[in-house]
Protein backbone atom coordinates (compact mmCIF):
# COMPACT_ATOMS: atom_id res chain seq x y z
CA MET A 1 0.21 0.16 0.07
CA ASN A 2 2.59 2.59 0.94
CA ASN A 3 6.08 2.87 0.95
CA PHE A 4 7.02 2.66 4.97
CA ARG A 5 9.86 4.71 4.78
CA GLU A 6 8.34 7.88 3.54
CA LEU A 7 5.99 7.48 6.95
CA LYS A 8 6.39 9.92 9.50
CA VAL A 9 4.99 8.01 11.82
CA TRP A 10 7.45 5.04 10.99
CA GLN A 11 10.18 7.25 11.20
CA ARG A 12 8.92 8.73 14.39
CA ALA A 13 8.93 4.99 15.45
CA ILE A 14 12.49 4.51 14.57
CA ASP A 15 13.50 7.44 16.73
CA LEU A 16 11.55 6.48 19.59
CA ALA A 17 13.48 2.85 19.35
CA THR A 18 16.91 4.72 19.27
CA LEU A 19 15.68 6.66 22.18
CA ILE A 20 14.59 3.52 24.09
CA TYR A 21 17.64 1.82 23.62
CA SER A 22 19.77 4.79 24.73
CA LEU A 23 17.42 4.76 28.01
CA THR A 24 17.93 1.34 28.85
CA LYS A 25 21.48 1.28 28.49
CA SER A 26 21.89 2.04 32.13
CA PHE A 27 19.37 -0.37 33.33
CA PRO A 28 20.93 -2.78 35.58
CA GLU A 29 22.42 -5.72 34.24
CA SER A 30 19.70 -7.82 36.40
CA GLU A 31 17.08 -6.44 34.05
CA LYS A 32 18.86 -7.80 31.13
CA TYR A 33 16.51 -10.58 30.54
CA GLY A 34 13.57 -8.53 32.02
CA LEU A 35 12.46 -5.21 31.79
CA THR A 36 15.26 -3.57 28.95
CA SER A 37 14.49 -6.31 26.63
CA GLN A 38 10.42 -5.99 27.66
CA LEU A 39 11.38 -2.67 26.60
CA GLN A 40 13.22 -3.00 23.88
CA ARG A 41 11.51 -5.73 22.02
CA ALA A 42 8.29 -3.24 22.49
CA THR A 43 9.98 -0.44 20.59
CA ILE A 44 10.82 -2.43 17.74
CA SER A 45 7.49 -3.84 17.56
CA VAL A 46 6.05 -0.54 16.82
CA SER A 47 8.27 0.77 13.44
CA SER A 48 8.00 -3.00 12.52
CA ASN A 49 4.46 -3.37 12.58
CA ILE A 50 4.04 -0.07 10.92
CA ALA A 51 6.32 -1.45 7.99
CA GLU A 52 4.71 -4.46 7.84
CA GLY A 53 0.87 -3.11 8.04
CA SER A 54 1.90 -0.58 4.81
CA GLY A 55 2.86 -3.68 2.62
CA ARG A 56 -0.78 -5.30 3.13
CA GLN A 57 -2.70 -5.46 0.52
CA THR A 58 -5.93 -4.09 2.12
CA LYS A 59 -6.74 -0.92 4.38
CA PRO A 60 -8.22 -3.35 6.77
CA ASP A 61 -5.16 -5.58 7.28
CA PHE A 62 -3.03 -2.45 7.34
CA LYS A 63 -5.49 -1.01 10.25
CA HIS A 64 -4.94 -4.01 12.15
CA PHE A 65 -0.88 -3.86 12.31
CA LEU A 66 -1.29 -0.37 13.71
CA SER A 67 -3.68 -1.26 16.24
CA ILE A 68 -0.48 -3.90 17.08
CA SER A 69 1.62 -0.78 17.04
CA LEU A 70 -0.76 1.03 19.63
CA GLY A 71 -0.72 -1.61 21.89
CA SER A 72 3.00 -1.91 21.67
CA LEU A 73 3.34 1.93 22.47
CA TYR A 74 1.15 1.34 25.63
CA GLU A 75 2.94 -1.38 26.64
CA ILE A 76 6.29 0.92 26.08
CA GLU A 77 4.38 3.62 28.08
CA SER A 78 3.70 1.22 31.02
CA GLN A 79 7.19 -0.14 31.45
CA LEU A 80 9.06 3.44 31.05
CA VAL A 81 6.74 4.10 34.39
CA VAL A 82 7.70 1.15 36.11
CA SER A 83 11.48 1.86 35.30
CA HIS A 84 11.20 5.91 36.66
CA LYS A 85 9.66 4.27 39.74
CA LEU A 86 12.76 1.74 40.20
CA LYS A 87 14.87 4.60 39.53
CA TYR A 88 15.82 3.47 36.18
CA ILE A 89 15.37 6.61 34.73
CA SER A 90 14.94 10.01 35.88
CA GLU A 91 11.58 12.21 35.94
CA LYS A 92 12.82 14.05 33.07
CA GLU A 93 13.86 11.15 30.79
CA VAL A 94 10.41 9.24 31.74
CA ASN A 95 8.33 12.53 30.58
CA MET A 96 10.44 12.84 27.36
CA ALA A 97 10.01 9.56 26.30
CA ILE A 98 6.30 9.57 27.17
CA THR A 99 5.84 12.40 25.33
CA GLU A 100 7.35 10.84 22.15
CA VAL A 101 5.16 8.02 22.78
CA SER A 102 1.98 10.39 23.08
CA GLU A 103 2.94 11.78 19.46
CA ILE A 104 3.03 8.88 17.93
CA GLN A 105 -0.25 6.99 19.68
CA LYS A 106 -1.71 10.25 18.10
CA MET A 107 -0.21 10.09 14.57
CA ILE A 108 -1.11 6.10 14.33
CA TYR A 109 -4.87 7.03 14.99
CA SER A 110 -5.02 9.59 12.60
CA LEU A 111 -3.60 7.08 9.84
CA ARG A 112 -5.81 4.70 10.86
CA SER A 113 -8.78 6.89 10.43
CA LYS A 114 -7.25 8.48 7.45
CA LEU A 115 -7.52 4.33 5.94
């Protein structure tokens, strides 16, 4: 349907993944297979599902993959809150990341409504 690389929402999702990977570098080693892994997998899922959905043949299929991306974004938001409560990231970092998550959520909702 679309060249996903041209989608602003995909580009922002890639930027979010970069941000999340940067934030999780400072997490304790004990979280390597826990919160670090969960956050990294969820953030990769966002851009991956946008890309996969854009390659589908129908708009309902694309909407489905956008819904999966939204679910991953809500997962990331929840995990960021836990990360902050555990003092793995600062108030400033969690606010910055959640703001970016919220912006991408809005973009996906907007894209879905246009399909």
